[in-house]
Amino acid sequence: MLHDLETLIGSSVFATDGEIGSVRNFLFDDRSWKIRYLVVEVGRWLDRREVVLAVASVEPPDWEKRSFHVKCTKEQVRNSPDVNTEKPVTLQQEIAMLEYYDVLAYWLDSGFAIETSMPAGTDYGVSPREDRDLRSALDLRGYEVWATDGEIGRLDGLIMDEASWYLGYMSVKAGGWLHSRSVLIPTRRVKSVSWANRRVSLQEAKEGT
């Protein structure tokens, strides 16, 4: 089943010994378009405003009740690495989180192969594996989406496959040429993303969308 990420914001998150907080955002791998972490806004039980939890530590979610259960205690969450999610999360920071939660790095697990055929890239080029970052999914809202023959519109949502946590589609608010309606564009059609210019470039013309 597919889910608009917007509908999952506010979902409850539980540790093995109680509620942690609610989902505020998602971090995705900027090469594979897969969600890798939940950004959780915590309650008053923790000094920090938010924590980052690996999808690999999440039990099968209850999508209908919008709740996530993670395989860790509140004390483990309390002492977890502090990550500034307002900036891209580097590989070095991610390794620290994975080591803390004792989670196998997904790029070493054959079940999470790197999808090099579907790169998001960085600034009109695909970075080496060691240079890739984790990006805020919700921060993509408002990015310009361009085809090879002109602007299509603005990105206003991302659609995730619950089975794989893969962001398979972008919801784009098209301009006047499509009567300002929204269209779904597969992320596999993305040629590159310029984070500095807030622009997504496709590898085909408008007609192909």
C-alpha atoms as a PDB file:
ATOM      1  CA  MET A   1       0.000   0.000   0.000  1.00  0.00           C
ATOM      2  CA  LEU A   2       1.080   3.560  -0.700  1.00  0.00           C
ATOM      3  CA  HIS A   3       1.049   6.385   1.858  1.00  0.00           C
ATOM      4  CA  ASP A   4       1.376  10.134   1.500  1.00  0.00           C
ATOM      5  CA  LEU A   5       4.064  11.089   4.043  1.00  0.00           C
ATOM      6  CA  GLU A   6       1.942  14.028   5.169  1.00  0.00           C
ATOM      7  CA  THR A   7      -0.693  11.616   6.525  1.00  0.00           C
ATOM      8  CA  LEU A   8       1.918   9.923   8.732  1.00  0.00           C
ATOM      9  CA  ILE A   9       3.078  13.092  10.470  1.00  0.00           C
ATOM     10  CA  GLY A  10       1.875  12.994  14.066  1.00  0.00           C
ATOM     11  CA  SER A  11       1.850   9.186  14.239  1.00  0.00           C
ATOM     12  CA  SER A  12       2.573   7.850  17.735  1.00  0.00           C
ATOM     13  CA  VAL A  13       5.937   6.207  18.448  1.00  0.00           C
ATOM     14  CA  PHE A  14       6.409   3.693  21.266  1.00  0.00           C
ATOM     15  CA  ALA A  15       9.484   2.146  22.854  1.00  0.00           C
ATOM     16  CA  THR A  16       9.241  -1.273  24.492  1.00  0.00           C
ATOM     17  CA  ASP A  17       8.444   0.442  27.810  1.00  0.00           C
ATOM     18  CA  GLY A  18       6.231   3.341  26.844  1.00  0.00           C
ATOM     19  CA  GLU A  19       5.436   6.149  24.448  1.00  0.00           C
ATOM     20  CA  ILE A  20       8.317   8.223  23.103  1.00  0.00           C
ATOM     21  CA  GLY A  21       6.515  10.916  21.123  1.00  0.00           C
ATOM     22  CA  SER A  22       5.194  11.500  17.611  1.00  0.00           C
ATOM     23  CA  VAL A  23       6.622  11.457  14.087  1.00  0.00           C
ATOM     24  CA  ARG A  24       7.713  14.926  12.946  1.00  0.00           C
ATOM     25  CA  ASN A  25       9.663  14.080   9.794  1.00  0.00           C
ATOM     26  CA  PHE A  26      11.476  11.364   7.841  1.00  0.00           C
ATOM     27  CA  LEU A  27      15.079  11.117   6.655  1.00  0.00           C
ATOM     28  CA  PHE A  28      15.739   9.461   3.308  1.00  0.00           C
ATOM     29  CA  ASP A  29      18.855   8.303   1.479  1.00  0.00           C
ATOM     30  CA  ASP A  30      19.460  10.854  -1.268  1.00  0.00           C
ATOM     31  CA  ARG A  31      20.671   8.147  -3.664  1.00  0.00           C
ATOM     32  CA  SER A  32      18.068   5.414  -3.244  1.00  0.00           C
ATOM     33  CA  TRP A  33      14.947   7.438  -2.245  1.00  0.00           C
ATOM     34  CA  LYS A  34      14.372   5.091   0.690  1.00  0.00           C
ATOM     35  CA  ILE A  35      13.226   6.277   4.112  1.00  0.00           C
ATOM     36  CA  ARG A  36      15.916   5.276   6.616  1.00  0.00           C
ATOM     37  CA  TYR A  37      14.945   7.130   9.815  1.00  0.00           C
ATOM     38  CA  LEU A  38      12.002   8.559  11.716  1.00  0.00           C
ATOM     39  CA  VAL A  39      12.450  11.990  13.258  1.00  0.00           C
ATOM     40  CA  VAL A  40      10.443  11.864  16.483  1.00  0.00           C
ATOM     41  CA  GLU A  41       9.307  14.832  18.503  1.00  0.00           C
ATOM     42  CA  VAL A  42       9.527  13.731  22.127  1.00  0.00           C
ATOM     43  CA  GLY A  43       7.497  14.728  25.149  1.00  0.00           C
ATOM     44  CA  ARG A  44       8.690  16.384  28.340  1.00  0.00           C
ATOM     45  CA  TRP A  45      10.423  13.225  29.571  1.00  0.00           C
ATOM     46  CA  LEU A  46      13.505  14.149  27.502  1.00  0.00           C
ATOM     47  CA  ASP A  47      15.519  17.371  27.410  1.00  0.00           C
ATOM     48  CA  ARG A  48      15.994  17.205  23.654  1.00  0.00           C
ATOM     49  CA  ARG A  49      13.198  18.295  21.320  1.00  0.00           C
ATOM     50  CA  GLU A  50      13.595  15.362  18.942  1.00  0.00           C
ATOM     51  CA  VAL A  51      15.374  12.062  18.397  1.00  0.00           C
ATOM     52  CA  VAL A  52      16.205  10.019  15.299  1.00  0.00           C
ATOM     53  CA  LEU A  53      15.224   6.330  15.142  1.00  0.00           C
ATOM     54  CA  ALA A  54      16.296   3.831  12.466  1.00  0.00           C
ATOM     55  CA  VAL A  55      13.575   2.249  10.355  1.00  0.00           C
ATOM     56  CA  ALA A  56      15.524  -1.006  10.807  1.00  0.00           C
ATOM     57  CA  SER A  57      14.546  -0.913  14.505  1.00  0.00           C
ATOM     58  CA  VAL A  58      10.817  -0.413  13.797  1.00  0.00           C
ATOM     59  CA  GLU A  59       8.363  -3.295  14.193  1.00  0.00           C
ATOM     60  CA  PRO A  60       5.777  -3.721  11.398  1.00  0.00           C
ATOM     61  CA  PRO A  61       3.764  -0.481  11.795  1.00  0.00           C
ATOM     62  CA  ASP A  62       0.046  -0.292  12.465  1.00  0.00           C
ATOM     63  CA  TRP A  63      -0.757   1.911   9.492  1.00  0.00           C
ATOM     64  CA  GLU A  64      -4.459   2.171  10.306  1.00  0.00           C
ATOM     65  CA  LYS A  65      -3.852   3.391  13.870  1.00  0.00           C
ATOM     66  CA  ARG A  66      -0.822   5.425  12.730  1.00  0.00           C
ATOM     67  CA  SER A  67       1.539   4.006  15.346  1.00  0.00           C
ATOM     68  CA  PHE A  68       5.156   2.817  15.256  1.00  0.00           C
ATOM     69  CA  HIS A  69       6.804   0.504  17.810  1.00  0.00           C
ATOM     70  CA  VAL A  70      10.602   0.430  18.020  1.00  0.00           C
ATOM     71  CA  LYS A  71      12.848  -2.299  19.447  1.00  0.00           C
ATOM     72  CA  CYS A  72      14.502  -0.195  22.125  1.00  0.00           C
ATOM     73  CA  THR A  73      13.804   1.212  25.580  1.00  0.00           C
ATOM     74  CA  LYS A  74      13.168   4.818  26.518  1.00  0.00           C
ATOM     75  CA  GLU A  75      16.533   4.812  28.322  1.00  0.00           C
ATOM     76  CA  GLN A  76      18.282   3.820  25.091  1.00  0.00           C
ATOM     77  CA  VAL A  77      16.488   6.638  23.309  1.00  0.00           C
ATOM     78  CA  ARG A  78      17.497   9.069  26.053  1.00  0.00           C
ATOM     79  CA  ASN A  79      21.198   8.283  25.579  1.00  0.00           C
ATOM     80  CA  SER A  80      21.130   8.069  21.764  1.00  0.00           C
ATOM     81  CA  PRO A  81      23.410  10.269  19.601  1.00  0.00           C
ATOM     82  CA  ASP A  82      22.132  13.817  19.191  1.00  0.00           C
ATOM     83  CA  VAL A  83      21.637  14.628  15.496  1.00  0.00           C
ATOM     84  CA  ASN A  84      20.802  18.035  14.022  1.00  0.00           C
ATOM     85  CA  THR A  85      18.119  17.148  11.473  1.00  0.00           C
ATOM     86  CA  GLU A  86      18.014  20.714  10.153  1.00  0.00           C
ATOM     87  CA  LYS A  87      21.160  19.843   8.188  1.00  0.00           C
ATOM     88  CA  PRO A  88      21.990  16.836   5.965  1.00  0.00           C
ATOM     89  CA  VAL A  89      23.015  13.853   8.111  1.00  0.00           C
ATOM     90  CA  THR A  90      26.450  12.627   7.048  1.00  0.00           C
ATOM     91  CA  LEU A  91      27.570   9.018   6.731  1.00  0.00           C
ATOM     92  CA  GLN A  92      29.806   9.437   9.786  1.00  0.00           C
ATOM     93  CA  GLN A  93      26.878  10.585  11.934  1.00  0.00           C
ATOM     94  CA  GLU A  94      24.758   7.736  10.642  1.00  0.00           C
ATOM     95  CA  ILE A  95      27.402   5.130  11.482  1.00  0.00           C
ATOM     96  CA  ALA A  96      27.433   6.456  15.065  1.00  0.00           C
ATOM     97  CA  MET A  97      23.645   5.994  15.291  1.00  0.00           C
ATOM     98  CA  LEU A  98      23.727   2.495  13.804  1.00  0.00           C
ATOM     99  CA  GLU A  99      26.507   1.421  16.146  1.00  0.00           C
ATOM    100  CA  TYR A 100      24.622   2.777  19.141  1.00  0.00           C
ATOM    101  CA  TYR A 101      21.410   0.929  18.298  1.00  0.00           C
ATOM    102  CA  ASP A 102      23.391  -2.163  17.168  1.00  0.00           C
ATOM    103  CA  VAL A 103      21.649  -2.108  13.777  1.00  0.00           C
ATOM    104  CA  LEU A 104      23.315  -3.553  10.684  1.00  0.00           C
ATOM    105  CA  ALA A 105      24.152  -0.862   8.150  1.00  0.00           C
ATOM    106  CA  TYR A 106      21.635  -1.277   5.340  1.00  0.00           C
ATOM    107  CA  TRP A 107      24.281  -0.844   2.630  1.00  0.00           C
ATOM    108  CA  LEU A 108      25.963  -4.023   4.003  1.00  0.00           C
ATOM    109  CA  ASP A 109      22.724  -5.996   4.100  1.00  0.00           C
ATOM    110  CA  SER A 110      21.821  -7.735   0.837  1.00  0.00           C
ATOM    111  CA  GLY A 111      18.185  -7.026   1.630  1.00  0.00           C
ATOM    112  CA  PHE A 112      18.862  -3.318   1.264  1.00  0.00           C
ATOM    113  CA  ALA A 113      20.913  -3.146  -1.909  1.00  0.00           C
ATOM    114  CA  ILE A 114      21.848   0.279  -3.202  1.00  0.00           C
ATOM    115  CA  GLU A 115      19.571   1.204  -6.103  1.00  0.00           C
ATOM    116  CA  THR A 116      22.145   2.881  -8.308  1.00  0.00           C
ATOM    117  CA  SER A 117      19.682   2.881 -11.211  1.00  0.00           C
ATOM    118  CA  MET A 118      17.454   5.400  -9.394  1.00  0.00           C
ATOM    119  CA  PRO A 119      19.802   8.124  -8.087  1.00  0.00           C
ATOM    120  CA  ALA A 120      18.558  11.396  -6.672  1.00  0.00           C
ATOM    121  CA  GLY A 121      22.069  12.798  -6.989  1.00  0.00           C
ATOM    122  CA  THR A 122      23.430  16.020  -5.594  1.00  0.00           C
ATOM    123  CA  ASP A 123      23.688  19.289  -7.448  1.00  0.00           C
ATOM    124  CA  TYR A 124      23.387  17.769 -10.919  1.00  0.00           C
ATOM    125  CA  GLY A 125      25.610  14.806 -10.262  1.00  0.00           C
ATOM    126  CA  VAL A 126      25.579  11.539  -8.338  1.00  0.00           C
ATOM    127  CA  SER A 127      27.928  11.516  -5.389  1.00  0.00           C
ATOM    128  CA  PRO A 128      30.126   8.554  -4.439  1.00  0.00           C
ATOM    129  CA  ARG A 129      28.656   6.167  -1.860  1.00  0.00           C
ATOM    130  CA  GLU A 130      30.739   7.629   0.958  1.00  0.00           C
ATOM    131  CA  ASP A 131      29.576  11.160   0.138  1.00  0.00           C
ATOM    132  CA  ARG A 132      25.851  10.551   0.138  1.00  0.00           C
ATOM    133  CA  ASP A 133      23.706  12.151   2.850  1.00  0.00           C
ATOM    134  CA  LEU A 134      20.399  11.632   4.547  1.00  0.00           C
ATOM    135  CA  ARG A 135      17.897  14.353   3.706  1.00  0.00           C
ATOM    136  CA  SER A 136      14.715  15.652   5.279  1.00  0.00           C
ATOM    137  CA  ALA A 137      11.775  14.377   3.251  1.00  0.00           C
ATOM    138  CA  LEU A 138       9.454  17.217   4.203  1.00  0.00           C
ATOM    139  CA  ASP A 139      12.047  19.824   3.274  1.00  0.00           C
ATOM    140  CA  LEU A 140      11.535  18.878  -0.383  1.00  0.00           C
ATOM    141  CA  ARG A 141       8.135  20.538  -0.335  1.00  0.00           C
ATOM    142  CA  GLY A 142       8.203  23.614  -2.517  1.00  0.00           C
ATOM    143  CA  TYR A 143      11.123  22.468  -4.696  1.00  0.00           C
ATOM    144  CA  GLU A 144      10.752  23.406  -8.361  1.00  0.00           C
ATOM    145  CA  VAL A 145      10.305  20.411 -10.656  1.00  0.00           C
ATOM    146  CA  TRP A 146      11.711  20.834 -14.163  1.00  0.00           C
ATOM    147  CA  ALA A 147      11.404  18.670 -17.255  1.00  0.00           C
ATOM    148  CA  THR A 148      13.945  18.941 -20.075  1.00  0.00           C
ATOM    149  CA  ASP A 149      11.689  21.466 -21.822  1.00  0.00           C
ATOM    150  CA  GLY A 150      10.588  23.666 -18.934  1.00  0.00           C
ATOM    151  CA  GLU A 151       9.179  23.906 -15.442  1.00  0.00           C
ATOM    152  CA  ILE A 152       6.375  21.519 -14.466  1.00  0.00           C
ATOM    153  CA  GLY A 153       5.475  22.943 -11.068  1.00  0.00           C
ATOM    154  CA  ARG A 154       6.242  22.652  -7.360  1.00  0.00           C
ATOM    155  CA  LEU A 155       6.722  19.488  -5.338  1.00  0.00           C
ATOM    156  CA  ASP A 156       4.037  19.316  -2.656  1.00  0.00           C
ATOM    157  CA  GLY A 157       4.260  15.731  -1.386  1.00  0.00           C
ATOM    158  CA  LEU A 158       6.015  12.363  -1.428  1.00  0.00           C
ATOM    159  CA  ILE A 159       4.378   8.956  -1.667  1.00  0.00           C
ATOM    160  CA  MET A 160       5.910   5.955   0.151  1.00  0.00           C
ATOM    161  CA  ASP A 161       5.466   2.221  -0.376  1.00  0.00           C
ATOM    162  CA  GLU A 162       4.846   0.706   3.070  1.00  0.00           C
ATOM    163  CA  ALA A 163       6.484  -2.618   2.158  1.00  0.00           C
ATOM    164  CA  SER A 164       9.859  -1.148   1.215  1.00  0.00           C
ATOM    165  CA  TRP A 165       9.787   2.428   2.665  1.00  0.00           C
ATOM    166  CA  TYR A 166      10.659   3.535  -0.864  1.00  0.00           C
ATOM    167  CA  LEU A 167       9.573   7.026  -1.971  1.00  0.00           C
ATOM    168  CA  GLY A 168       8.246   5.974  -5.344  1.00  0.00           C
ATOM    169  CA  TYR A 169       6.320   9.100  -6.356  1.00  0.00           C
ATOM    170  CA  MET A 170       6.411  12.865  -6.074  1.00  0.00           C
ATOM    171  CA  SER A 171       3.151  14.780  -5.951  1.00  0.00           C
ATOM    172  CA  VAL A 172       3.676  17.906  -8.037  1.00  0.00           C
ATOM    173  CA  LYS A 173       1.365  20.926  -8.183  1.00  0.00           C
ATOM    174  CA  ALA A 174       1.559  21.734 -11.871  1.00  0.00           C
ATOM    175  CA  GLY A 175       1.318  25.214 -13.335  1.00  0.00           C
ATOM    176  CA  GLY A 176      -1.216  26.727 -15.697  1.00  0.00           C
ATOM    177  CA  TRP A 177      -0.213  24.437 -18.563  1.00  0.00           C
ATOM    178  CA  LEU A 178      -1.985  21.626 -16.647  1.00  0.00           C
ATOM    179  CA  HIS A 179      -4.703  23.861 -15.182  1.00  0.00           C
ATOM    180  CA  SER A 180      -2.946  23.935 -11.791  1.00  0.00           C
ATOM    181  CA  ARG A 181      -3.785  20.317 -10.993  1.00  0.00           C
ATOM    182  CA  SER A 182      -1.524  17.868  -9.138  1.00  0.00           C
ATOM    183  CA  VAL A 183       0.266  15.042 -10.933  1.00  0.00           C
ATOM    184  CA  LEU A 184       2.200  12.028  -9.644  1.00  0.00           C
ATOM    185  CA  ILE A 185       5.690  11.625 -11.085  1.00  0.00           C
ATOM    186  CA  PRO A 186       7.784   8.490 -10.357  1.00  0.00           C
ATOM    187  CA  THR A 187      11.044   9.309  -8.593  1.00  0.00           C
ATOM    188  CA  ARG A 188      12.827   6.912 -10.974  1.00  0.00           C
ATOM    189  CA  ARG A 189      12.418   9.641 -13.597  1.00  0.00           C
ATOM    190  CA  VAL A 190      14.527  12.077 -11.574  1.00  0.00           C
ATOM    191  CA  LYS A 191      17.826  12.910 -13.207  1.00  0.00           C
ATOM    192  CA  SER A 192      19.234  15.024 -10.384  1.00  0.00           C
ATOM    193  CA  VAL A 193      18.403  17.213  -7.406  1.00  0.00           C
ATOM    194  CA  SER A 194      20.042  20.564  -6.724  1.00  0.00           C
ATOM    195  CA  TRP A 195      19.745  21.035  -2.974  1.00  0.00           C
ATOM    196  CA  ALA A 196      21.299  24.492  -3.179  1.00  0.00           C
ATOM    197  CA  ASN A 197      18.839  25.710  -5.844  1.00  0.00           C
ATOM    198  CA  ARG A 198      15.860  23.731  -4.498  1.00  0.00           C
ATOM    199  CA  ARG A 199      15.239  22.156  -7.890  1.00  0.00           C
ATOM    200  CA  VAL A 200      14.399  18.637  -9.078  1.00  0.00           C
ATOM    201  CA  SER A 201      15.344  17.917 -12.700  1.00  0.00           C
ATOM    202  CA  LEU A 202      13.705  15.113 -14.671  1.00  0.00           C
ATOM    203  CA  GLN A 203      15.269  13.138 -17.502  1.00  0.00           C
ATOM    204  CA  GLU A 204      12.362  13.652 -19.918  1.00  0.00           C
ATOM    205  CA  ALA A 205      10.123  16.308 -21.432  1.00  0.00           C
ATOM    206  CA  LYS A 206       6.776  17.515 -20.046  1.00  0.00           C
ATOM    207  CA  GLU A 207       4.889  15.297 -22.461  1.00  0.00           C
ATOM    208  CA  GLY A 208       6.376  12.257 -20.749  1.00  0.00           C
ATOM    209  CA  THR A 209       4.849  13.146 -17.399  1.00  0.00           C
END
